N, C-alpha and C. Protein backbone atom coordinates (compact mmCIF):
# COMPACT_ATOMS: atom_id res chain seq x y z
N MET A 1 0.86 -1.16 0.00
CA MET A 1 0.00 0.00 0.00
C MET A 1 0.91 1.23 0.00
N SER A 2 0.63 2.13 -0.90
CA SER A 2 1.44 3.33 -1.00
C SER A 2 1.18 4.24 0.20
N PRO A 3 2.17 5.05 0.57
CA PRO A 3 1.98 5.96 1.71
C PRO A 3 0.81 6.92 1.52
N LYS A 4 0.58 7.35 0.27
CA LYS A 4 -0.52 8.27 0.01
C LYS A 4 -1.87 7.60 0.26
N LYS A 5 -2.00 6.34 -0.19
CA LYS A 5 -3.26 5.61 0.00
C LYS A 5 -3.45 5.27 1.48
N ARG A 6 -2.36 4.93 2.16
CA ARG A 6 -2.45 4.61 3.60
C ARG A 6 -2.92 5.83 4.39
N LYS A 7 -2.38 7.01 4.05
CA LYS A 7 -2.78 8.23 4.74
C LYS A 7 -4.26 8.52 4.51
N ALA A 8 -4.72 8.30 3.28
CA ALA A 8 -6.14 8.51 2.96
C ALA A 8 -7.01 7.57 3.79
N ASN A 9 -6.57 6.31 3.92
CA ASN A 9 -7.34 5.34 4.71
C ASN A 9 -7.37 5.72 6.18
N LEU A 10 -6.24 6.18 6.71
CA LEU A 10 -6.19 6.58 8.11
C LEU A 10 -7.07 7.80 8.36
N LEU A 11 -7.10 8.73 7.43
CA LEU A 11 -7.98 9.89 7.57
C LEU A 11 -9.44 9.48 7.55
N GLN A 12 -9.77 8.53 6.68
CA GLN A 12 -11.15 8.05 6.60
C GLN A 12 -11.55 7.34 7.89
N ILE A 13 -10.64 6.57 8.46
CA ILE A 13 -10.92 5.89 9.72
C ILE A 13 -11.15 6.91 10.83
N ALA A 14 -10.34 7.95 10.87
CA ALA A 14 -10.50 8.99 11.88
C ALA A 14 -11.85 9.70 11.73
N GLU A 15 -12.26 9.95 10.49
CA GLU A 15 -13.56 10.58 10.25
C GLU A 15 -14.70 9.68 10.70
N PHE A 16 -14.62 8.38 10.39
CA PHE A 16 -15.66 7.44 10.82
C PHE A 16 -15.73 7.37 12.34
N HIS A 17 -14.57 7.36 12.99
CA HIS A 17 -14.53 7.29 14.44
C HIS A 17 -15.18 8.53 15.06
N ALA A 18 -14.85 9.68 14.53
CA ALA A 18 -15.43 10.92 15.04
C ALA A 18 -16.94 10.95 14.84
N GLU A 19 -17.40 10.47 13.68
CA GLU A 19 -18.84 10.44 13.41
C GLU A 19 -19.54 9.46 14.34
N ALA A 20 -18.92 8.31 14.59
CA ALA A 20 -19.52 7.31 15.48
C ALA A 20 -19.65 7.88 16.89
N LEU A 21 -18.63 8.57 17.36
CA LEU A 21 -18.71 9.18 18.69
C LEU A 21 -19.79 10.24 18.74
N ARG A 22 -19.92 11.02 17.69
CA ARG A 22 -20.93 12.07 17.65
C ARG A 22 -22.33 11.47 17.66
N LEU A 23 -22.54 10.41 16.89
CA LEU A 23 -23.86 9.80 16.80
C LEU A 23 -24.22 9.00 18.06
N ALA A 24 -23.23 8.46 18.73
CA ALA A 24 -23.48 7.64 19.90
C ALA A 24 -23.93 8.47 21.10
N GLY A 25 -23.51 9.70 21.14
CA GLY A 25 -23.85 10.53 22.30
C GLY A 25 -23.02 10.13 23.50
N ASN A 26 -23.44 10.58 24.66
CA ASN A 26 -22.72 10.26 25.89
C ASN A 26 -23.03 8.85 26.33
N ILE A 27 -22.04 8.20 26.92
CA ILE A 27 -22.27 6.86 27.44
C ILE A 27 -22.36 6.95 28.96
N SER A 28 -23.08 6.02 29.54
CA SER A 28 -23.29 6.01 30.98
C SER A 28 -22.03 5.51 31.69
N ALA A 29 -21.98 5.70 32.99
CA ALA A 29 -20.84 5.23 33.79
C ALA A 29 -20.75 3.71 33.74
N ASN A 30 -21.89 3.04 33.71
CA ASN A 30 -21.90 1.58 33.64
C ASN A 30 -21.33 1.09 32.31
N GLN A 31 -21.72 1.74 31.22
CA GLN A 31 -21.19 1.38 29.91
C GLN A 31 -19.69 1.62 29.85
N GLN A 32 -19.23 2.73 30.44
CA GLN A 32 -17.80 3.03 30.47
C GLN A 32 -17.05 1.96 31.25
N ARG A 33 -17.60 1.50 32.35
CA ARG A 33 -16.96 0.46 33.16
C ARG A 33 -16.86 -0.84 32.38
N ILE A 34 -17.90 -1.21 31.65
CA ILE A 34 -17.86 -2.43 30.84
C ILE A 34 -16.76 -2.34 29.80
N ILE A 35 -16.63 -1.19 29.17
CA ILE A 35 -15.59 -1.00 28.16
C ILE A 35 -14.20 -1.10 28.79
N GLU A 36 -14.02 -0.48 29.96
CA GLU A 36 -12.73 -0.53 30.65
C GLU A 36 -12.34 -1.97 31.01
N VAL A 37 -13.30 -2.74 31.50
CA VAL A 37 -13.03 -4.14 31.85
C VAL A 37 -12.71 -4.94 30.59
N ALA A 38 -13.43 -4.69 29.51
CA ALA A 38 -13.17 -5.41 28.26
C ALA A 38 -11.77 -5.11 27.74
N ILE A 39 -11.34 -3.87 27.85
CA ILE A 39 -10.00 -3.51 27.39
C ILE A 39 -8.94 -4.16 28.29
N ALA A 40 -9.19 -4.16 29.58
CA ALA A 40 -8.21 -4.69 30.53
C ALA A 40 -8.07 -6.20 30.44
N HIS A 41 -9.17 -6.92 30.26
CA HIS A 41 -9.14 -8.38 30.32
C HIS A 41 -9.24 -9.06 28.97
N GLY A 42 -9.64 -8.36 27.95
CA GLY A 42 -9.71 -8.94 26.62
C GLY A 42 -10.76 -10.03 26.50
N LYS A 43 -10.45 -11.03 25.70
CA LYS A 43 -11.42 -12.08 25.39
C LYS A 43 -11.51 -13.16 26.46
N GLU A 44 -10.67 -13.12 27.48
CA GLU A 44 -10.67 -14.19 28.47
C GLU A 44 -11.98 -14.23 29.28
N LEU A 45 -12.69 -13.11 29.37
CA LEU A 45 -13.96 -13.09 30.09
C LEU A 45 -15.17 -13.23 29.16
N GLU A 46 -14.90 -13.38 27.87
CA GLU A 46 -15.98 -13.50 26.89
C GLU A 46 -16.71 -14.82 27.08
N SER A 47 -18.03 -14.78 27.06
CA SER A 47 -18.79 -16.00 27.23
C SER A 47 -18.67 -16.87 25.99
N SER A 48 -18.85 -18.18 26.20
CA SER A 48 -18.75 -19.12 25.08
C SER A 48 -19.79 -20.22 25.25
N GLY A 49 -19.97 -21.00 24.22
CA GLY A 49 -20.92 -22.10 24.29
C GLY A 49 -22.36 -21.62 24.38
N LEU A 50 -23.14 -22.25 25.26
CA LEU A 50 -24.55 -21.90 25.40
C LEU A 50 -24.73 -20.50 25.99
N LEU A 51 -23.78 -20.03 26.77
CA LEU A 51 -23.88 -18.69 27.36
C LEU A 51 -23.81 -17.60 26.30
N ALA A 52 -23.14 -17.88 25.20
CA ALA A 52 -22.98 -16.88 24.14
C ALA A 52 -24.23 -16.80 23.27
N GLY A 53 -25.12 -17.74 23.37
CA GLY A 53 -26.34 -17.72 22.56
C GLY A 53 -26.54 -19.02 21.82
N GLY A 54 -27.77 -19.30 21.55
CA GLY A 54 -28.08 -20.55 20.86
C GLY A 54 -27.79 -20.47 19.38
N ARG A 55 -27.79 -21.61 18.76
CA ARG A 55 -27.58 -21.67 17.32
C ARG A 55 -28.84 -21.26 16.59
N SER A 56 -28.64 -20.65 15.45
CA SER A 56 -29.80 -20.22 14.64
C SER A 56 -30.34 -21.36 13.81
C-alpha cells in the first residue's frame, strides 16, 4: 500500500470514528466500566458455548 493511500485510509478511519462518537452521544458510567473491563481483560472473560447464545 502506498503511503498516500495509507494516509487517505487513516484519515477516513478517523472521520468514521469521530462520526460514530458524535452519533453515539454520551455513554453512561456503567457502559464506560464495561468498556474498561473489556480492554483490561480482553477475550478471556468473553462467554462461550450456550452462554454466548443458541444456534440459529
